[in-house]
Protein backbone atom coordinates (compact mmCIF):
# COMPACT_ATOMS: atom_id res chain seq x y z
CA UNK A 1 -19.21 -34.96 28.68
CA UNK A 2 -20.55 -34.44 25.35
CA UNK A 3 -18.79 -33.41 21.79
CA UNK A 4 -20.03 -29.63 22.34
CA UNK A 5 -18.87 -29.26 26.18
CA UNK A 6 -15.34 -30.88 25.50
CA UNK A 7 -14.92 -28.87 22.44
CA UNK A 8 -16.23 -25.28 24.80
CA UNK A 9 -13.57 -26.33 27.17
CA UNK A 10 -10.73 -26.54 24.32
CA UNK A 11 -12.38 -23.43 23.21
CA UNK A 12 -11.61 -22.07 26.63
CA UNK A 13 -7.74 -23.03 26.37
CA UNK A 14 -7.44 -21.70 23.54
CA UNK A 15 -8.58 -18.31 24.36
CA UNK A 16 -6.34 -18.68 27.62
CA UNK A 17 -3.32 -19.15 25.03
CA UNK A 18 -3.06 -22.83 26.49
CA UNK A 19 -2.52 -24.01 22.79
CA UNK A 20 -0.86 -26.89 23.50
CA UNK A 21 -3.81 -28.54 25.88
CA UNK A 22 -6.22 -27.48 23.78
CA UNK A 23 -4.30 -29.37 20.25
CA UNK A 24 -3.80 -32.54 22.23
CA UNK A 25 -7.84 -32.41 23.48
CA UNK A 26 -9.09 -31.71 20.17
CA UNK A 27 -7.06 -34.55 18.18
CA UNK A 28 -8.27 -36.85 20.26
CA UNK A 29 -11.71 -35.23 20.08
CA UNK A 30 -11.47 -35.59 15.88
CA UNK A 31 -10.29 -39.07 16.42
CA UNK A 32 -13.01 -40.55 18.39
CA UNK A 33 -15.53 -38.28 16.45
CA UNK A 34 -13.90 -38.12 12.98
CA UNK A 35 -17.44 -36.86 11.22
CA UNK A 36 -17.79 -33.58 13.60
CA UNK A 37 -17.08 -30.80 11.40
CA UNK A 38 -16.89 -28.24 14.16
CA UNK A 39 -14.09 -29.88 15.98
CA UNK A 40 -12.15 -29.77 12.66
CA UNK A 41 -12.58 -26.48 12.26
CA UNK A 42 -11.21 -25.77 15.91
CA UNK A 43 -8.37 -28.16 15.32
CA UNK A 44 -7.79 -25.58 12.34
CA UNK A 45 -8.08 -23.26 14.29
CA UNK A 46 -5.79 -24.09 17.02
CA UNK A 47 -3.32 -25.48 14.00
CA UNK A 48 -3.15 -21.70 12.63
CA UNK A 49 -2.03 -20.60 16.11
CA UNK A 50 0.28 -22.92 16.73
CA UNK A 51 1.83 -21.72 12.63
CA UNK A 52 1.32 -25.42 11.63
CA UNK A 53 -0.13 -23.82 8.67
CA UNK A 54 -0.19 -27.32 6.64
CA UNK A 55 -2.80 -29.00 9.45
CA UNK A 56 -4.45 -26.19 9.56
CA UNK A 57 -5.52 -25.84 5.87
CA UNK A 58 -6.15 -29.81 5.81
CA UNK A 59 -8.36 -29.76 8.76
CA UNK A 60 -10.43 -26.99 7.58
CA UNK A 61 -10.45 -28.75 4.07
CA UNK A 62 -12.00 -32.25 6.18
CA UNK A 63 -14.68 -29.92 7.78
CA UNK A 64 -15.65 -28.52 4.23
CA UNK A 65 -15.78 -32.66 3.25
CA UNK A 66 -18.50 -33.24 6.19
CA UNK A 67 -20.15 -30.14 6.05
CA UNK A 68 -19.34 -28.21 2.41
CA UNK A 69 -21.72 -25.62 2.14
CA UNK A 70 -21.49 -23.97 5.59
CA UNK A 71 -20.54 -20.14 4.94
CA UNK A 72 -18.90 -19.96 8.27
CA UNK A 73 -16.29 -22.68 7.42
CA UNK A 74 -15.40 -20.79 4.06
CA UNK A 75 -14.79 -17.83 4.97
CA UNK A 76 -12.51 -19.64 7.88
CA UNK A 77 -11.12 -21.68 5.01
CA UNK A 78 -10.30 -18.30 2.91
CA UNK A 79 -9.15 -16.18 5.85
CA UNK A 80 -6.23 -18.70 6.25
CA UNK A 81 -5.34 -18.73 2.26
CA UNK A 82 -5.50 -15.14 2.42
CA UNK A 83 -3.18 -14.99 5.48
CA UNK A 84 -0.82 -17.27 3.60
CA UNK A 85 -1.07 -15.13 0.60
CA UNK A 86 -2.31 -18.24 -1.20
CA UNK A 87 -4.89 -15.67 -3.10
CA UNK A 88 -5.53 -18.17 -6.13
CA UNK A 89 -7.00 -20.69 -3.42
CA UNK A 90 -8.39 -17.93 -1.74
CA UNK A 91 -10.04 -16.73 -4.49
CA UNK A 92 -11.55 -20.18 -5.16
CA UNK A 93 -13.41 -20.48 -1.80
CA UNK A 94 -14.83 -16.62 -2.51
CA UNK A 95 -16.39 -17.63 -5.57
CA UNK A 96 -18.07 -20.48 -3.95
CA UNK A 97 -19.37 -18.17 -1.09
CA UNK A 98 -20.40 -15.54 -4.03
CA UNK A 99 -22.73 -18.31 -5.54
CA UNK A 100 -24.47 -18.50 -1.97
CA UNK A 101 -24.64 -14.48 -1.16
CA UNK A 102 -28.30 -14.99 -0.43
CA UNK A 103 -27.83 -16.66 2.39
CA UNK A 104 -25.04 -15.08 3.85
CA UNK A 105 -25.52 -13.26 6.84
CA UNK A 106 -24.41 -9.35 7.05
CA UNK A 107 -21.91 -10.42 9.11
CA UNK A 108 -20.71 -13.11 6.92
CA UNK A 109 -21.03 -10.04 3.84
CA UNK A 110 -18.75 -7.95 5.79
CA UNK A 111 -16.04 -10.39 6.29
CA UNK A 112 -16.29 -11.52 2.33
CA UNK A 113 -16.37 -8.01 1.68
CA UNK A 114 -12.86 -7.51 3.36
CA UNK A 115 -11.55 -10.70 2.18
CA UNK A 116 -12.52 -9.30 -1.52
CA UNK A 117 -10.57 -6.35 -0.51
CA UNK A 118 -7.31 -7.88 0.61
CA UNK A 119 -7.78 -10.24 -2.99
CA UNK A 120 -7.69 -6.96 -4.82
CA UNK A 121 -11.07 -7.60 -6.21
CA UNK A 122 -11.71 -4.23 -5.20
CA UNK A 123 -15.32 -4.39 -7.07
CA UNK A 124 -16.92 -7.32 -5.24
CA UNK A 125 -16.18 -5.75 -2.06
CA UNK A 126 -17.64 -2.47 -3.17
CA UNK A 127 -20.80 -4.48 -4.50
CA UNK A 128 -20.94 -6.35 -1.16
CA UNK A 129 -20.64 -2.84 0.81
CA UNK A 130 -23.61 -1.32 -1.03
CA UNK A 131 -25.81 -4.33 -0.39
CA UNK A 132 -25.46 -3.95 3.36
CA UNK A 133 -25.74 0.10 3.10
CA UNK A 134 -28.89 -0.87 0.89
CA UNK A 135 -30.37 -3.08 3.70
CA UNK A 136 -29.06 -0.91 6.72
CA UNK A 137 -28.83 2.67 5.47
CA UNK A 138 -27.52 3.72 9.13
CA UNK A 139 -24.43 1.58 9.20
CA UNK A 140 -22.09 4.21 8.86
CA UNK A 141 -18.83 2.72 9.19
CA UNK A 142 -19.66 0.41 6.15
CA UNK A 143 -20.31 3.72 4.32
CA UNK A 144 -17.25 4.76 5.01
CA UNK A 145 -15.92 1.57 3.44
CA UNK A 146 -17.60 2.17 0.71
CA UNK A 147 -16.64 5.65 0.24
CA UNK A 148 -13.00 4.62 0.52
CA UNK A 149 -13.28 2.00 -2.40
CA UNK A 150 -15.33 4.02 -4.27
CA UNK A 151 -12.25 6.74 -4.09
CA UNK A 152 -9.64 4.15 -5.40
CA UNK A 153 -12.17 3.28 -8.48
CA UNK A 154 -12.32 6.71 -9.16
CA UNK A 155 -15.97 7.66 -8.48
CA UNK A 156 -15.09 10.55 -6.44
CA UNK A 157 -18.52 11.87 -6.46
CA UNK A 158 -20.37 8.87 -5.09
CA UNK A 159 -17.74 8.69 -2.32
CA UNK A 160 -18.13 12.36 -1.18
CA UNK A 161 -21.93 11.69 -1.24
CA UNK A 162 -21.36 8.74 1.34
CA UNK A 163 -18.90 10.73 3.29
CA UNK A 164 -20.97 13.50 3.92
CA UNK A 165 -23.65 11.59 5.28
CA UNK A 166 -21.34 9.67 8.05
CA UNK A 167 -20.08 13.18 8.74
CA UNK A 168 -23.98 14.46 9.44
CA UNK A 169 -24.78 11.37 11.71
CA UNK A 170 -21.26 11.58 12.98
CA UNK A 171 -19.31 14.56 13.22
CA UNK A 172 -17.00 13.58 15.31
CA UNK A 173 -15.66 11.08 12.63
CA UNK A 174 -12.47 12.34 11.89
CA UNK A 175 -11.44 9.54 9.43
CA UNK A 176 -14.29 10.76 7.05
CA UNK A 177 -14.33 14.34 7.87
CA UNK A 178 -10.56 13.60 6.62
CA UNK A 179 -11.05 11.62 3.75
CA UNK A 180 -13.70 14.23 1.95
CA UNK A 181 -11.40 17.07 2.46
CA UNK A 182 -9.00 14.95 0.47
CA UNK A 183 -11.93 12.80 -2.05
CA UNK A 184 -12.36 15.82 -4.45
CA UNK A 185 -11.07 19.88 -4.97
CA UNK A 186 -13.37 22.27 -2.58
CA UNK A 187 -12.24 25.49 -4.45
CA UNK A 188 -15.68 26.85 -2.04
CA UNK A 189 -14.06 26.08 1.52
CA UNK A 190 -16.12 27.12 3.75
CA UNK A 191 -18.48 24.64 4.77
CA UNK A 192 -15.81 21.87 4.62
CA UNK A 193 -13.40 23.75 6.99
CA UNK A 194 -16.30 24.26 9.31
CA UNK A 195 -17.17 19.83 9.46
CA UNK A 196 -13.02 20.33 9.88
CA UNK A 197 -12.96 22.59 12.85
CA UNK A 198 -15.78 20.82 14.71
CA UNK A 199 -14.45 17.90 14.69
CA UNK A 200 -11.39 19.03 16.21
CA UNK A 201 -12.51 20.39 19.11
CA UNK A 202 -13.94 16.33 19.87
CA UNK A 203 -10.03 15.77 20.22
CA UNK A 204 -8.33 18.89 21.19
CA UNK A 205 -8.59 18.56 25.54
CA UNK A 206 -7.45 14.75 25.52
CA UNK A 207 -3.69 14.63 24.96
CA UNK A 208 -3.95 11.13 24.13
CA UNK A 209 -1.86 8.99 21.29
CA UNK A 210 -4.93 8.30 19.51
CA UNK A 211 -6.34 12.55 19.92
CA UNK A 212 -3.15 13.59 18.50
CA UNK A 213 -3.19 11.10 14.82
CA UNK A 214 -7.29 12.17 15.07
CA UNK A 215 -6.24 16.20 14.88
CA UNK A 216 -2.72 15.16 12.50
CA UNK A 217 -5.54 13.84 10.16
CA UNK A 218 -7.57 16.95 10.37
CA UNK A 219 -4.91 19.69 9.99
CA UNK A 220 -3.63 17.55 6.68
CA UNK A 221 -7.57 18.30 5.79
CA UNK A 222 -7.69 21.42 6.44
CA UNK A 223 -4.18 22.48 4.47
CA UNK A 224 -5.66 20.31 1.46
CA UNK A 225 -8.92 22.65 1.56
CA UNK A 226 -7.03 26.02 2.46
CA UNK A 227 -4.90 24.72 -0.72
CA UNK A 228 -7.71 24.22 -2.49
CA UNK A 229 -8.98 27.86 -2.18
CA UNK A 230 -5.35 29.04 -2.80
CA UNK A 231 -5.15 30.26 0.60
CA UNK A 232 -1.38 29.11 0.67
CA UNK A 233 -0.31 30.71 4.10
CA UNK A 234 -2.60 29.12 5.94
CA UNK A 235 -2.78 26.16 3.97
CA UNK A 236 1.30 25.32 4.69
CA UNK A 237 0.82 26.37 8.25
CA UNK A 238 -2.04 23.59 8.48
CA UNK A 239 0.10 20.53 7.04
CA UNK A 240 2.77 21.93 9.39
CA UNK A 241 0.56 21.79 12.59
CA UNK A 242 -0.23 18.25 11.54
CA UNK A 243 3.07 17.17 10.86
CA UNK A 244 4.11 17.98 14.33
CA UNK A 245 1.86 15.98 15.55
CA UNK A 246 2.64 13.05 13.54
CA UNK A 247 6.08 13.29 13.93
CA UNK A 248 5.70 12.93 17.94
CA UNK A 249 4.36 9.91 17.38
CA UNK A 250 7.00 8.29 14.94
CA UNK A 251 8.80 5.20 15.87
CA UNK A 252 11.15 5.18 13.08
CA UNK A 253 13.48 7.88 12.65
CA UNK A 254 14.74 9.40 9.76
CA UNK A 255 18.35 8.46 11.22
CA UNK A 256 17.24 4.59 10.92
CA UNK A 257 16.21 4.84 7.09
CA UNK A 258 19.72 6.81 6.24
CA UNK A 259 21.04 3.84 8.37
CA UNK A 260 19.52 1.55 5.82
CA UNK A 261 20.62 3.44 2.63
CA UNK A 262 23.96 3.66 4.09
CA UNK A 263 24.04 0.17 4.67
CA UNK A 264 23.04 -0.53 1.40
CA UNK A 265 24.89 1.18 -0.46
CA UNK A 266 28.36 -0.01 1.25
CA UNK A 267 27.52 -3.42 0.30
CA UNK A 268 27.13 -2.72 -3.39
CA UNK A 269 30.36 -0.85 -2.83
CA UNK A 270 31.90 -4.03 -1.51
CA UNK A 271 30.62 -5.94 -4.48
CA UNK A 272 27.53 -7.40 -3.15
CA UNK A 273 24.57 -8.06 -5.15
CA UNK A 274 26.18 -8.64 -8.21
CA UNK A 275 23.82 -8.33 -11.09
CA UNK A 276 23.58 -10.67 -13.90
CA UNK A 277 22.76 -8.93 -17.71
CA UNK A 278 18.95 -8.61 -18.26
CA UNK A 279 17.47 -12.23 -19.07
CA UNK A 280 14.38 -12.30 -21.04
CA UNK A 281 11.56 -9.33 -21.35
CA UNK A 282 8.51 -11.21 -19.72
CA UNK A 283 9.28 -10.04 -16.56
CA UNK A 284 8.48 -7.73 -13.36
CA UNK A 285 8.86 -3.99 -14.03
CA UNK A 286 9.77 -2.40 -10.61
CA UNK A 287 8.81 1.32 -10.96
CA UNK A 288 11.03 3.23 -8.34
CA UNK A 289 11.00 6.89 -7.23
CA UNK A 290 10.05 8.74 -4.28
CA UNK A 291 6.53 8.58 -3.34
CA UNK A 292 4.77 11.81 -5.14
CA UNK A 293 7.01 11.85 -7.95
CA UNK A 294 4.68 10.66 -10.84
CA UNK A 295 5.55 6.89 -10.52
CA UNK A 296 1.06 6.11 -10.33
CA UNK A 297 1.40 8.09 -13.98
CA UNK A 298 4.19 5.64 -15.07
CA UNK A 299 2.81 2.59 -13.85
CA UNK A 300 -0.65 3.57 -15.29
CA UNK A 301 0.70 4.00 -18.94
CA UNK A 302 2.46 0.89 -19.04
CA UNK A 303 -0.58 -1.08 -17.18
CA UNK A 304 -2.69 0.33 -19.84
CA UNK A 305 -0.54 -2.11 -22.43
CA UNK A 306 -2.27 -5.26 -23.35
CA UNK A 307 0.79 -7.18 -22.41
CA UNK A 308 0.88 -5.72 -18.98
CA UNK A 309 -0.84 -6.29 -15.44
CA UNK A 310 -0.61 -3.36 -13.22
CA UNK A 311 0.00 -4.52 -9.65
CA UNK A 312 0.32 -1.49 -7.80
CA UNK A 313 2.04 -1.15 -4.52
CA UNK A 314 2.85 -4.77 -3.56
CA UNK A 315 4.04 -5.99 -0.37
CA UNK A 316 5.99 -9.35 -1.48
CA UNK A 317 9.88 -7.76 -2.24
CA UNK A 318 10.09 -6.82 1.82
CA UNK A 319 8.10 -9.60 3.08
CA UNK A 320 10.00 -12.02 0.94
CA UNK A 321 13.28 -10.26 2.45
CA UNK A 322 12.29 -10.97 5.74
CA UNK A 323 11.26 -14.24 5.69
CA UNK A 324 14.99 -14.87 4.51
CA UNK A 325 16.25 -13.41 7.02
CA UNK A 326 14.42 -15.49 9.41
CA UNK A 327 11.86 -12.88 10.50
CA UNK A 328 7.97 -12.47 10.21
CA UNK A 329 6.04 -11.14 7.46
CA UNK A 330 3.81 -9.59 10.71
CA UNK A 331 7.16 -7.15 11.79
CA UNK A 332 6.68 -5.01 8.60
CA UNK A 333 9.07 -3.15 6.57
CA UNK A 334 10.32 -0.77 9.18
CA UNK A 335 11.74 -4.34 10.79
CA UNK A 336 14.42 -4.54 8.12
CA UNK A 337 17.46 -3.11 9.42
CA UNK A 338 20.90 -2.96 8.08
CA UNK A 339 21.17 -6.05 9.72
CA UNK A 340 18.84 -7.79 7.59
CA UNK A 341 20.71 -6.11 4.65
CA UNK A 342 23.72 -7.88 5.71
CA UNK A 343 22.16 -10.75 5.82
CA UNK A 344 20.29 -10.84 2.80
CA UNK A 345 23.42 -10.43 0.92
CA UNK A 346 24.56 -14.02 2.08
CA UNK A 347 21.17 -15.68 1.32
CA UNK A 348 20.22 -17.48 -1.95
CA UNK A 349 18.83 -15.19 -4.32
CA UNK A 350 17.50 -17.09 -6.43
CA UNK A 351 15.32 -18.34 -3.96
CA UNK A 352 14.33 -14.98 -2.98
CA UNK A 353 13.61 -14.07 -6.70
CA UNK A 354 11.34 -17.51 -6.75
CA UNK A 355 9.57 -16.45 -3.91
CA UNK A 356 8.95 -13.02 -4.56
CA UNK A 357 7.80 -14.22 -8.18
CA UNK A 358 5.78 -16.86 -6.83
CA UNK A 359 3.90 -14.91 -3.98
CA UNK A 360 3.21 -11.62 -6.87
CA UNK A 361 2.29 -14.12 -9.79
CA UNK A 362 -0.27 -16.13 -7.33
CA UNK A 363 -1.70 -12.59 -6.06
CA UNK A 364 -2.29 -11.36 -9.73
CA UNK A 365 -2.87 -14.13 -11.55
CA UNK A 366 -0.03 -13.10 -13.98
CA UNK A 367 2.53 -15.27 -15.58
CA UNK A 368 3.93 -12.28 -18.37
CA UNK A 369 4.95 -8.90 -17.89
CA UNK A 370 3.84 -6.69 -14.61
CA UNK A 371 4.57 -3.42 -12.60
CA UNK A 372 5.39 -3.09 -9.10
CA UNK A 373 5.59 0.30 -7.88
CA UNK A 374 6.29 0.14 -3.50
CA UNK A 375 8.22 3.30 -3.09
CA UNK A 376 10.21 1.22 -0.56
CA UNK A 377 11.66 -1.15 -3.45
CA UNK A 378 14.09 1.70 -4.33
CA UNK A 379 16.50 0.45 -1.20
CA UNK A 380 15.96 -3.23 -3.07
CA UNK A 381 17.37 -2.32 -6.61
CA UNK A 382 20.43 -4.32 -5.95
CA UNK A 383 18.25 -7.76 -4.36
CA UNK A 384 15.72 -6.98 -7.30
CA UNK A 385 18.47 -7.08 -10.09
CA UNK A 386 20.49 -9.92 -8.41
CA UNK A 387 17.32 -11.86 -7.81
CA UNK A 388 15.38 -11.82 -10.63
CA UNK A 389 17.49 -11.90 -13.92
CA UNK A 390 14.42 -10.63 -15.74
CA UNK A 391 13.26 -7.86 -13.83
CA UNK A 392 13.93 -4.36 -15.21
CA UNK A 393 13.48 -1.01 -12.71
CA UNK A 394 12.08 2.49 -14.00
CA UNK A 395 13.26 4.97 -11.83
CA UNK A 396 11.18 8.45 -11.77
CA UNK A 397 12.55 11.59 -10.71
CA UNK A 398 10.90 14.97 -10.04
CA UNK A 399 12.28 18.73 -9.12
CA UNK A 400 13.61 18.40 -5.60
CA UNK A 401 11.17 21.26 -4.01
CA UNK A 402 8.27 20.13 -5.44
CA UNK A 403 9.02 16.52 -3.90
CA UNK A 404 10.00 18.08 -1.05
CA UNK A 405 6.51 19.74 -0.31
CA UNK A 406 4.30 16.83 -1.98
CA UNK A 407 6.05 14.17 0.53
CA UNK A 408 5.50 17.26 3.72
CA UNK A 409 1.93 17.88 2.91
CA UNK A 410 0.70 14.34 2.45
CA UNK A 411 -0.48 12.38 5.86
CA UNK A 412 0.54 8.72 4.51
CA UNK A 413 -0.77 5.78 6.13
CA UNK A 414 2.31 3.96 6.63
CA UNK A 415 6.26 4.67 6.68
CA UNK A 416 7.75 7.68 5.10
CA UNK A 417 8.53 9.10 8.33
CA UNK A 418 11.09 11.48 7.02
CA UNK A 419 8.06 13.92 5.64
CA UNK A 420 6.94 15.34 8.96
CA UNK A 421 10.01 17.73 9.10
CA UNK A 422 11.36 20.21 6.60
CA UNK A 423 14.75 19.51 8.37
CA UNK A 424 14.63 15.52 7.95
CA UNK A 425 13.25 15.80 4.18
CA UNK A 426 16.40 17.92 3.61
CA UNK A 427 18.29 15.15 5.53
CA UNK A 428 16.51 12.47 3.64
CA UNK A 429 16.46 13.62 -0.11
CA UNK A 430 19.94 13.73 -0.85
CA UNK A 431 21.07 11.00 0.70
CA UNK A 432 18.04 9.19 -1.37
CA UNK A 433 19.64 10.64 -4.62
CA UNK A 434 22.85 9.51 -3.69
CA UNK A 435 21.67 6.48 -2.99
CA UNK A 436 19.84 6.26 -6.54
CA UNK A 437 22.97 7.54 -8.42
CA UNK A 438 24.86 4.34 -6.99
CA UNK A 439 22.33 2.33 -8.39
CA UNK A 440 22.75 4.09 -12.00
CA UNK A 441 26.40 3.18 -12.09
CA UNK A 442 26.24 0.46 -11.37
CA UNK A 443 23.48 -1.02 -13.03
CA UNK A 444 23.45 1.23 -15.82
CA UNK A 445 21.72 -1.15 -18.44
CA UNK A 446 19.03 -2.75 -16.12
CA UNK A 447 17.71 0.76 -15.10
CA UNK A 448 15.90 3.28 -17.11
CA UNK A 449 15.27 6.72 -15.81
CA UNK A 450 12.88 8.86 -16.45
CA UNK A 451 11.74 12.83 -15.69
CA UNK A 452 8.19 14.17 -14.15
CA UNK A 453 8.59 16.94 -16.04
CA UNK A 454 9.44 15.80 -18.98
CA UNK A 455 6.83 13.11 -18.81
CA UNK A 456 4.00 15.77 -18.71
CA UNK A 457 5.52 17.66 -21.53
CA UNK A 458 6.49 15.18 -24.06
CA UNK A 459 4.06 12.37 -23.23
CA UNK A 460 4.34 9.86 -25.88
CA UNK A 461 8.30 10.62 -26.66
CA UNK A 462 8.69 9.00 -22.90
CA UNK A 463 6.28 6.36 -22.91
CA UNK A 464 7.66 5.22 -26.11
CA UNK A 465 10.72 5.08 -24.26
CA UNK A 466 9.30 3.45 -21.58
CA UNK A 467 7.93 0.80 -23.30
CA UNK A 468 10.81 0.40 -25.55
CA UNK A 469 12.91 -0.36 -22.78
CA UNK A 470 10.66 -2.64 -21.61
CA UNK A 471 10.72 -4.58 -24.86
CA UNK A 472 6.85 -3.98 -25.97
CA UNK A 473 5.21 -2.54 -28.76
CA UNK A 474 4.46 1.26 -28.68
CA UNK A 475 0.11 1.36 -28.02
CA UNK A 476 -1.77 4.62 -27.82
CA UNK A 477 -3.62 3.53 -25.45
CA UNK A 478 -0.79 3.94 -22.81
CA UNK A 479 -1.55 7.34 -23.21
CA UNK A 480 -5.57 6.79 -22.24
CA UNK A 481 -4.56 5.44 -18.79
CA UNK A 482 -7.04 7.98 -16.73
CA UNK A 483 -9.74 5.69 -18.72
CA UNK A 484 -8.55 2.55 -17.67
CA UNK A 485 -11.10 0.98 -15.11
CA UNK A 486 -9.13 -0.42 -12.08
CA UNK A 487 -8.58 0.66 -8.76
CA UNK A 488 -5.68 2.95 -7.32
CA UNK A 489 -4.69 2.21 -3.48
CA UNK A 490 -2.37 4.68 -3.03
CA UNK A 491 -2.10 8.94 -2.10
CA UNK A 492 -3.14 9.67 -5.82
CA UNK A 493 -6.00 7.63 -6.02
CA UNK A 494 -8.09 11.16 -6.93
CA UNK A 495 -5.30 12.49 -9.07
CA UNK A 496 -5.15 9.18 -11.25
CA UNK A 497 -8.76 9.75 -13.46
CA UNK A 498 -7.00 12.68 -15.16
CA UNK A 499 -5.19 12.89 -18.13
CA UNK A 500 -1.94 14.08 -17.78
CA UNK A 501 -0.97 18.26 -17.09
CA UNK A 502 1.65 20.39 -15.74
CA UNK A 503 -0.41 21.71 -13.05
CA UNK A 504 1.85 20.40 -10.79
CA UNK A 505 5.24 21.16 -12.11
CA UNK A 506 6.60 24.08 -10.18
CA UNK A 507 3.73 24.33 -7.63
CA UNK A 508 6.56 25.03 -4.43
CA UNK A 509 6.90 28.07 -5.46
CA UNK A 510 3.20 28.81 -4.26
CA UNK A 511 4.66 28.00 -0.29
CA UNK A 512 8.34 29.62 -1.53
CA UNK A 513 8.65 31.93 1.95
CA UNK A 514 8.63 28.74 4.26
CA UNK A 515 10.82 26.92 1.49
CA UNK A 516 13.37 29.10 1.06
CA UNK A 517 15.37 27.56 4.06
CA UNK A 518 15.64 24.16 2.74
CA UNK A 519 16.27 25.56 -1.02
CA UNK A 520 19.13 27.26 0.10
CA UNK A 521 20.24 24.14 2.30
CA UNK A 522 19.92 22.51 -0.64
CA UNK A 523 22.15 25.04 -2.74
CA UNK A 524 25.02 24.70 -0.56
CA UNK A 525 25.07 21.02 -0.79
CA UNK A 526 24.88 21.22 -4.71
CA UNK A 527 22.40 18.79 -4.54
CA UNK A 528 20.97 17.32 -8.45
CA UNK A 529 17.35 18.21 -8.68
CA UNK A 530 15.68 19.15 -12.09
CA UNK A 531 13.86 22.23 -12.12
CA UNK A 532 11.12 23.56 -13.58
CA UNK A 533 13.35 25.67 -15.42
CA UNK A 534 14.87 23.02 -16.90
CA UNK A 535 11.87 22.14 -19.02
CA UNK A 536 11.44 23.79 -22.36
CA UNK A 537 7.61 23.93 -22.93
C-alpha cells in the first residue's frame, strides 16, 4: 500500500473516532517517511483530537518546515493556536497568510476571515469578506457576516445596505431581518415590519426549537422597530411574545443563577477570597454591572485614555475558573455551579490570577492597563480581588426599572436567561443588588461605584473620578469615546457611536402600564433603586 492509500485509511479511522489506532498507524508512517508533510499534518489533526496539544503543534510545525508556504497547513496551525488561545502565535501565522493573499482560494479567505475575527482583528476580517463579495456578489452568507462586522465598527449605513440585499434575495433569512431591525433607528416602520411579518410566515407552522428561536428573534426585531416609531404598547407586546418563545428554549434558569449568587455570598461571608491591599496601578480594570446599565459607555471613556487598552467582554476569567476547577472551556460559563465556586475557594489564587493575566495579555498584546467588561464577572469579583492584586473593579449602577426594561427587550446571544420573564427579572435584580452591596462592603477600597444617570448628567466629573480611581491622569479625549476607532461586540454596538445623552434615562415610563406590577413588587421589597427623579439636571 502506497503512502497516499495509508494516509487515506488513517483518515477513515479518524472519521470513525478510532483515535488510538489512527495515531499508532500515523506515527509509523512519519517514521518511515519523515519528509511527507501530509503525514505530519494528519498526525497533528489526530493529536489535537486526543488533546495532545504539544504533539499537535509540533507536528504542524514539522509539516510547515517541509512545505512552508502551504496555505492549508498554515490555516491548520492558526486554528490550533486559536483553539488554545495562543493569539500572538496565531497572529504571526495569519500575517504570513495575509502576505500570500492573492494565492488563496475563496474558501481559504473565508477561513482566514473567521480566524481574524476570533483573534479580534475585525478590520482584517472585513477586508477579506469585502474581497469575497466583490468576486461573488451573490454570496449572501458572507454579505451577512460583513454586515455584522460593519455594525460592530459603527458603519451602520453599510451594514443596513448589505442586510437589505440579503433580505431581497432571501426573505426567509430571519437573522438578516432581525439584524436590519436593530442596526439603526426606523422612525417609519412600515417596510421593515412587512419584511419581518413576511419572514415569520416561514416559521409559524413548524413548532420546532429552531423555528421558535427564529420567531423569537423576529418578534424582538418587531419590538425594536415599533419602539422606534413610538408605538409603545405594540412594541411591548412584541417583546413579550419574543421573550416567551425564548424562555421555552431555556436550559439554564433564574434559579440556577440565584443559586450561584447565594453560594458566592456564603463563601465570602465565611471568609473565603480575602483580598490583599491594592498593589500597583498597571493592572486590569473590571467594569461590572448588569447588561444594559452603561458599562459599555464607561469602558469607552476609560478605553479612550492613551494608557488603556480596551478589552471588551473577555471570556478569560470564567475560562480560567473552569480550568482551575477541572472543567473544560467548551462547557461554557453556565457550567460554573455552586460546587465549582466552592472548589475555587480552595484553589491557588495566584495561579488563577497569573493564568487570567497570561491569556488576556496574549489576546490584547498588552502589558499595561486594560479593561474587561464581561457582565458575568460581577459574580466573580471576590475571586478577581483575591487573585489579581493590581486589579480594580468599577461597578456601574442604573435605575432598576430602566435596567429591567432594557434587559427584557434584549435578545441576548448567550446567557442572561433571567431576562425573558418579568417575574424572573423581579427575582434576579434584588439578588444581584444584595450581592453587589456585599462586595462593596467587603472590599470598599478596591471597588468604585458609578451611576449611569450621574455619568450622563455630569460626564467630566464622573470621568475624572474614574481615571483618578485607576491612578491615571485626566485626558479630555476620554469624553470623545464615540469618535474613537475600534469594534464593540456587545448588545450596545449600534449605540456607542453616539456622544453621551440622557435619552435612555427614565425610558421605562414609556412602558409604564405593563411594568407597574414589577415596580409595586420592588417597592414592597424596598428595593434600593436610583430613580431619574434623584438626578437634578
